[in-house]
Every structure is written in C-alpha cells, then in structure tokens.
Amino acid sequence: MAIDQHWAASAAGDLVAEHDIYHDDAVCEYPQSGEIIRGRRNLQALRSHHPGRPSGFVVRRIVGETSLWITEYVISYESKSMHTVSIMEFRDGKVSHETQYFADAFDAPAWRAQWVEQKV
C-alpha cells in the first residue's frame, strides 16, 4: 500500500520515496500556521530544509478507504514529541491534497484525575 510505504520512508528520512506518493500539483495545508504548500517539489524542498530532523517517528493508526485516508502519528524532534494528524485525499492513486495538524504534548490538569487514567 502506498500510504504504508510513504510513512516508512518518512520515518527513514528517505525524502525521495517519501514524496513519491504526491501528485506534482499536490497541495499541503498546515492550518495552525496558515501555510499552504503547492506542488510536490515545494513540499519536498520544504521538508528537506527542516533545521531539526526528526529523531523518532511512530504511526499510531491509519484509517480510511478509497480516496480519503487519515494517519495519526507522533514525531519526535530532539526531546520534544509532536502529535500529528494527516488527512490525505487521493486522486488516481496519488495524494492530491493533504492537511496536517500538529499538537504539542501537555500535562494533564489535576482536576480531572478522578475520571481518567494516564497512559504510560
């Protein structure tokens, strides 16, 4: 499956294989920063110039069917983990549109401790 190969290449730092999944005219959006990256070349260039290469990458789950796939994963940059969701829309077997959401980890507030359990 193309999406599994994409995430394996991402985890391995293989920028060429990682971007094989995208159409030449793919659009990638980062809603939290308001950025839109147009085109596979720009997306690959942006990622190849990232100043802090990920030190870890774990896919938690992939769900979807036909033309819409969602991946939940965690990227580690040095000592910081970034929880991430990728929503990929496919056209003719390649990604035409991706939206990525990034979230920092945070400490759970004490007030809700009686209703939750902590993941170790």
N, C-alpha and C. Protein backbone atom coordinates (compact mmCIF):
# COMPACT_ATOMS: atom_id res chain seq x y z
N MET A 1 0.84 -1.19 0.00
CA MET A 1 0.00 0.00 0.00
C MET A 1 0.88 1.24 0.00
N ALA A 2 0.54 2.19 -0.82
CA ALA A 2 1.34 3.41 -0.98
C ALA A 2 1.47 4.20 0.31
N ILE A 3 0.43 4.26 1.10
CA ILE A 3 0.48 5.06 2.33
C ILE A 3 1.44 4.46 3.35
N ASP A 4 1.49 3.14 3.43
CA ASP A 4 2.45 2.48 4.34
C ASP A 4 3.89 2.75 3.90
N GLN A 5 4.13 2.70 2.59
CA GLN A 5 5.46 2.99 2.07
C GLN A 5 5.84 4.44 2.33
N HIS A 6 4.87 5.33 2.21
CA HIS A 6 5.11 6.75 2.48
C HIS A 6 5.58 6.96 3.92
N TRP A 7 4.85 6.39 4.88
CA TRP A 7 5.21 6.61 6.29
C TRP A 7 6.51 5.90 6.65
N ALA A 8 6.78 4.75 6.05
CA ALA A 8 8.06 4.08 6.29
C ALA A 8 9.21 4.93 5.76
N ALA A 9 9.04 5.51 4.58
CA ALA A 9 10.07 6.39 4.01
C ALA A 9 10.23 7.65 4.85
N SER A 10 9.13 8.20 5.35
CA SER A 10 9.20 9.38 6.22
C SER A 10 10.00 9.06 7.47
N ALA A 11 9.71 7.93 8.08
CA ALA A 11 10.42 7.53 9.30
C ALA A 11 11.91 7.30 9.04
N ALA A 12 12.22 6.80 7.85
CA ALA A 12 13.62 6.51 7.50
C ALA A 12 14.37 7.75 7.00
N GLY A 13 13.64 8.84 6.77
CA GLY A 13 14.29 10.05 6.25
C GLY A 13 14.59 9.98 4.77
N ASP A 14 13.89 9.09 4.03
CA ASP A 14 14.09 8.95 2.59
C ASP A 14 13.17 9.95 1.88
N LEU A 15 13.70 11.15 1.63
CA LEU A 15 12.88 12.23 1.07
C LEU A 15 12.36 11.95 -0.33
N VAL A 16 13.08 11.16 -1.11
CA VAL A 16 12.62 10.85 -2.46
C VAL A 16 11.43 9.90 -2.40
N ALA A 17 11.59 8.78 -1.71
CA ALA A 17 10.49 7.81 -1.60
C ALA A 17 9.30 8.39 -0.84
N GLU A 18 9.57 9.22 0.14
CA GLU A 18 8.50 9.85 0.93
C GLU A 18 7.57 10.67 0.05
N HIS A 19 8.09 11.29 -0.99
CA HIS A 19 7.30 12.20 -1.82
C HIS A 19 6.78 11.56 -3.10
N ASP A 20 7.09 10.29 -3.34
CA ASP A 20 6.55 9.57 -4.50
C ASP A 20 5.03 9.49 -4.45
N ILE A 21 4.45 9.59 -3.28
CA ILE A 21 3.01 9.43 -3.09
C ILE A 21 2.22 10.64 -3.59
N TYR A 22 2.88 11.78 -3.79
CA TYR A 22 2.18 13.02 -4.12
C TYR A 22 2.10 13.27 -5.63
N HIS A 23 0.96 13.82 -6.07
CA HIS A 23 0.85 14.34 -7.43
C HIS A 23 1.78 15.55 -7.56
N ASP A 24 2.21 15.84 -8.76
CA ASP A 24 3.06 17.01 -8.99
C ASP A 24 2.38 18.30 -8.53
N ASP A 25 1.05 18.35 -8.65
CA ASP A 25 0.31 19.55 -8.27
C ASP A 25 -0.38 19.43 -6.91
N ALA A 26 0.11 18.55 -6.07
CA ALA A 26 -0.49 18.34 -4.75
C ALA A 26 -0.44 19.63 -3.92
N VAL A 27 -1.41 19.75 -3.02
CA VAL A 27 -1.48 20.88 -2.10
C VAL A 27 -1.44 20.32 -0.69
N CYS A 28 -0.59 20.91 0.14
CA CYS A 28 -0.50 20.52 1.55
C CYS A 28 -0.76 21.76 2.40
N GLU A 29 -1.66 21.60 3.37
CA GLU A 29 -2.02 22.72 4.23
C GLU A 29 -1.62 22.44 5.68
N TYR A 30 -1.12 23.49 6.35
CA TYR A 30 -0.84 23.48 7.78
C TYR A 30 -1.77 24.53 8.40
N PRO A 31 -3.00 24.15 8.79
CA PRO A 31 -3.97 25.14 9.28
C PRO A 31 -3.50 25.95 10.48
N GLN A 32 -2.71 25.35 11.36
CA GLN A 32 -2.31 26.07 12.56
C GLN A 32 -1.38 27.24 12.27
N SER A 33 -0.60 27.15 11.20
CA SER A 33 0.30 28.26 10.85
C SER A 33 -0.24 29.07 9.68
N GLY A 34 -1.31 28.57 9.03
CA GLY A 34 -1.89 29.26 7.89
C GLY A 34 -1.12 29.06 6.59
N GLU A 35 -0.19 28.10 6.57
CA GLU A 35 0.64 27.88 5.38
C GLU A 35 -0.02 26.90 4.41
N ILE A 36 0.19 27.16 3.12
CA ILE A 36 -0.23 26.26 2.05
C ILE A 36 0.99 26.01 1.18
N ILE A 37 1.31 24.76 0.97
CA ILE A 37 2.45 24.39 0.13
C ILE A 37 1.88 23.83 -1.17
N ARG A 38 2.21 24.43 -2.28
CA ARG A 38 1.68 23.99 -3.57
C ARG A 38 2.77 23.28 -4.36
N GLY A 39 2.47 22.05 -4.74
CA GLY A 39 3.37 21.27 -5.57
C GLY A 39 4.28 20.35 -4.79
N ARG A 40 4.46 19.15 -5.35
CA ARG A 40 5.31 18.13 -4.72
C ARG A 40 6.74 18.64 -4.54
N ARG A 41 7.28 19.36 -5.51
CA ARG A 41 8.65 19.87 -5.40
C ARG A 41 8.82 20.82 -4.23
N ASN A 42 7.85 21.73 -4.05
CA ASN A 42 7.93 22.66 -2.93
C ASN A 42 7.81 21.93 -1.59
N LEU A 43 6.93 20.95 -1.53
CA LEU A 43 6.75 20.19 -0.30
C LEU A 43 8.03 19.43 0.05
N GLN A 44 8.63 18.80 -0.93
CA GLN A 44 9.88 18.06 -0.71
C GLN A 44 11.00 19.02 -0.31
N ALA A 45 11.09 20.16 -0.97
CA ALA A 45 12.13 21.13 -0.65
C ALA A 45 11.96 21.66 0.77
N LEU A 46 10.72 21.98 1.14
CA LEU A 46 10.44 22.47 2.49
C LEU A 46 10.90 21.46 3.53
N ARG A 47 10.51 20.20 3.34
CA ARG A 47 10.85 19.16 4.31
C ARG A 47 12.35 18.86 4.33
N SER A 48 13.02 19.00 3.20
CA SER A 48 14.45 18.70 3.16
C SER A 48 15.28 19.80 3.82
N HIS A 49 14.69 20.99 4.02
CA HIS A 49 15.41 22.09 4.66
C HIS A 49 15.03 22.29 6.12
N HIS A 50 14.28 21.35 6.67
CA HIS A 50 13.88 21.46 8.08
C HIS A 50 15.13 21.46 8.94
N PRO A 51 15.30 22.47 9.81
CA PRO A 51 16.54 22.58 10.59
C PRO A 51 16.74 21.48 11.64
N GLY A 52 15.67 20.87 12.10
CA GLY A 52 15.79 19.81 13.11
C GLY A 52 15.17 18.53 12.61
N ARG A 53 15.98 17.66 12.05
CA ARG A 53 15.47 16.40 11.53
C ARG A 53 14.78 15.62 12.66
N PRO A 54 13.66 14.94 12.35
CA PRO A 54 13.02 14.12 13.37
C PRO A 54 13.96 13.03 13.90
N SER A 55 13.90 12.82 15.21
CA SER A 55 14.72 11.77 15.82
C SER A 55 13.89 10.52 16.08
N GLY A 56 12.60 10.59 15.87
CA GLY A 56 11.71 9.45 16.04
C GLY A 56 10.41 9.69 15.31
N PHE A 57 9.76 8.59 14.96
CA PHE A 57 8.55 8.68 14.15
C PHE A 57 7.74 7.41 14.41
N VAL A 58 6.53 7.54 14.96
CA VAL A 58 5.71 6.37 15.27
C VAL A 58 4.30 6.58 14.73
N VAL A 59 3.87 5.70 13.85
CA VAL A 59 2.49 5.73 13.36
C VAL A 59 1.62 5.03 14.39
N ARG A 60 0.61 5.71 14.88
CA ARG A 60 -0.31 5.13 15.87
C ARG A 60 -1.44 4.38 15.19
N ARG A 61 -1.99 4.96 14.12
CA ARG A 61 -3.03 4.25 13.37
C ARG A 61 -3.29 4.95 12.04
N ILE A 62 -3.81 4.16 11.12
CA ILE A 62 -4.21 4.64 9.80
C ILE A 62 -5.62 4.14 9.56
N VAL A 63 -6.52 5.05 9.21
CA VAL A 63 -7.90 4.67 8.90
C VAL A 63 -8.32 5.37 7.61
N GLY A 64 -9.20 4.73 6.88
CA GLY A 64 -9.72 5.34 5.67
C GLY A 64 -10.16 4.32 4.67
N GLU A 65 -10.55 4.81 3.52
CA GLU A 65 -10.93 3.95 2.41
C GLU A 65 -10.94 4.77 1.13
N THR A 66 -10.84 4.10 0.06
CA THR A 66 -10.81 4.66 -1.30
C THR A 66 -9.95 5.92 -1.40
N SER A 67 -10.55 7.11 -1.40
CA SER A 67 -9.78 8.32 -1.68
C SER A 67 -9.46 9.17 -0.45
N LEU A 68 -9.83 8.74 0.74
CA LEU A 68 -9.58 9.54 1.95
C LEU A 68 -8.94 8.68 3.03
N TRP A 69 -7.73 9.08 3.48
CA TRP A 69 -7.00 8.33 4.50
C TRP A 69 -6.50 9.28 5.57
N ILE A 70 -6.61 8.84 6.82
CA ILE A 70 -6.19 9.64 7.96
C ILE A 70 -5.15 8.85 8.74
N THR A 71 -4.04 9.51 9.04
CA THR A 71 -2.97 8.89 9.81
C THR A 71 -2.74 9.71 11.07
N GLU A 72 -2.68 9.01 12.19
CA GLU A 72 -2.34 9.63 13.47
C GLU A 72 -0.94 9.14 13.82
N TYR A 73 -0.03 10.07 14.07
CA TYR A 73 1.34 9.67 14.35
C TYR A 73 2.01 10.66 15.30
N VAL A 74 3.18 10.26 15.79
CA VAL A 74 3.95 11.09 16.70
C VAL A 74 5.33 11.27 16.10
N ILE A 75 5.75 12.52 15.97
CA ILE A 75 7.11 12.84 15.50
C ILE A 75 7.88 13.38 16.70
N SER A 76 9.10 12.90 16.88
CA SER A 76 9.97 13.42 17.94
C SER A 76 11.06 14.26 17.31
N TYR A 77 11.22 15.47 17.84
CA TYR A 77 12.29 16.37 17.45
C TYR A 77 13.14 16.60 18.69
N GLU A 78 14.35 16.03 18.69
CA GLU A 78 15.23 16.08 19.85
C GLU A 78 14.47 15.53 21.05
N SER A 79 14.12 16.35 22.04
CA SER A 79 13.43 15.82 23.22
C SER A 79 11.94 16.17 23.23
N LYS A 80 11.43 16.71 22.14
CA LYS A 80 10.03 17.14 22.08
C LYS A 80 9.23 16.24 21.14
N SER A 81 8.06 15.79 21.62
CA SER A 81 7.18 14.98 20.78
C SER A 81 6.04 15.83 20.26
N MET A 82 5.71 15.63 18.99
CA MET A 82 4.65 16.37 18.33
C MET A 82 3.60 15.37 17.85
N HIS A 83 2.41 15.44 18.42
CA HIS A 83 1.31 14.58 17.99
C HIS A 83 0.73 15.18 16.72
N THR A 84 0.55 14.34 15.71
CA THR A 84 0.22 14.84 14.38
C THR A 84 -0.89 14.01 13.75
N VAL A 85 -1.75 14.69 13.00
CA VAL A 85 -2.79 14.03 12.21
C VAL A 85 -2.63 14.49 10.77
N SER A 86 -2.61 13.54 9.87
CA SER A 86 -2.53 13.82 8.44
C SER A 86 -3.81 13.33 7.77
N ILE A 87 -4.44 14.19 7.01
CA ILE A 87 -5.63 13.82 6.24
C ILE A 87 -5.24 13.91 4.77
N MET A 88 -5.22 12.76 4.11
CA MET A 88 -4.79 12.70 2.71
C MET A 88 -5.97 12.36 1.80
N GLU A 89 -6.10 13.16 0.75
CA GLU A 89 -7.11 12.91 -0.27
C GLU A 89 -6.38 12.44 -1.53
N PHE A 90 -6.80 11.30 -2.06
CA PHE A 90 -6.14 10.69 -3.21
C PHE A 90 -6.94 10.92 -4.49
N ARG A 91 -6.20 11.06 -5.58
CA ARG A 91 -6.76 11.13 -6.92
C ARG A 91 -5.86 10.27 -7.81
N ASP A 92 -6.43 9.31 -8.46
CA ASP A 92 -5.67 8.42 -9.36
C ASP A 92 -4.48 7.77 -8.65
N GLY A 93 -4.67 7.37 -7.39
CA GLY A 93 -3.63 6.63 -6.67
C GLY A 93 -2.54 7.48 -6.02
N LYS A 94 -2.63 8.80 -6.14
CA LYS A 94 -1.63 9.69 -5.54
C LYS A 94 -2.33 10.77 -4.72
N VAL A 95 -1.60 11.34 -3.77
CA VAL A 95 -2.17 12.38 -2.92
C VAL A 95 -2.30 13.67 -3.71
N SER A 96 -3.52 14.20 -3.72
CA SER A 96 -3.76 15.49 -4.37
C SER A 96 -3.88 16.61 -3.34
N HIS A 97 -4.29 16.25 -2.12
CA HIS A 97 -4.45 17.25 -1.07
C HIS A 97 -4.16 16.59 0.28
N GLU A 98 -3.39 17.28 1.11
CA GLU A 98 -3.10 16.80 2.46
C GLU A 98 -3.25 17.97 3.42
N THR A 99 -3.85 17.69 4.56
CA THR A 99 -3.93 18.66 5.64
C THR A 99 -3.26 18.02 6.85
N GLN A 100 -2.32 18.73 7.47
CA GLN A 100 -1.61 18.21 8.64
C GLN A 100 -1.86 19.12 9.84
N TYR A 101 -2.21 18.48 10.95
CA TYR A 101 -2.41 19.19 12.22
C TYR A 101 -1.33 18.73 13.19
N PHE A 102 -0.70 19.67 13.87
CA PHE A 102 0.38 19.40 14.81
C PHE A 102 -0.04 19.87 16.20
N ALA A 103 0.21 19.05 17.21
CA ALA A 103 -0.16 19.42 18.58
C ALA A 103 0.97 19.04 19.54
N ASP A 104 1.32 20.00 20.39
CA ASP A 104 2.30 19.73 21.43
C ASP A 104 1.66 18.91 22.54
N ALA A 105 2.47 18.09 23.19
CA ALA A 105 2.01 17.38 24.38
C ALA A 105 1.82 18.39 25.51
N PHE A 106 0.94 18.07 26.46
CA PHE A 106 0.74 18.95 27.61
C PHE A 106 0.44 18.10 28.84
N ASP A 107 0.71 18.66 29.99
CA ASP A 107 0.43 17.96 31.25
C ASP A 107 -1.06 17.96 31.50
N ALA A 108 -1.57 16.82 31.94
CA ALA A 108 -2.99 16.71 32.26
C ALA A 108 -3.29 17.49 33.53
N PRO A 109 -4.38 18.25 33.53
CA PRO A 109 -4.74 19.00 34.74
C PRO A 109 -5.20 18.07 35.85
N ALA A 110 -4.85 18.40 37.06
CA ALA A 110 -5.16 17.58 38.23
C ALA A 110 -6.67 17.46 38.46
N TRP A 111 -7.45 18.46 38.09
CA TRP A 111 -8.88 18.46 38.39
C TRP A 111 -9.65 17.30 37.76
N ARG A 112 -9.12 16.70 36.69
CA ARG A 112 -9.86 15.61 36.05
C ARG A 112 -9.29 14.22 36.34
N ALA A 113 -8.36 14.14 37.27
CA ALA A 113 -7.68 12.88 37.58
C ALA A 113 -8.63 11.76 37.99
N GLN A 114 -9.73 12.08 38.64
CA GLN A 114 -10.65 11.05 39.12
C GLN A 114 -11.38 10.33 37.99
N TRP A 115 -11.39 10.91 36.77
CA TRP A 115 -12.13 10.31 35.66
C TRP A 115 -11.24 9.71 34.57
N VAL A 116 -9.94 9.86 34.69
CA VAL A 116 -9.05 9.41 33.61
C VAL A 116 -7.96 8.49 34.14
N GLU A 117 -7.32 7.81 33.24
CA GLU A 117 -6.11 7.07 33.59
C GLU A 117 -4.99 7.62 32.72
N GLN A 118 -3.80 7.56 33.21
CA GLN A 118 -2.64 8.09 32.50
C GLN A 118 -2.00 6.98 31.65
N LYS A 119 -1.76 7.30 30.41
CA LYS A 119 -1.03 6.40 29.51
C LYS A 119 0.43 6.43 29.92
N VAL A 120 1.01 5.29 30.02
CA VAL A 120 2.42 5.23 30.44
C VAL A 120 3.32 5.14 29.25
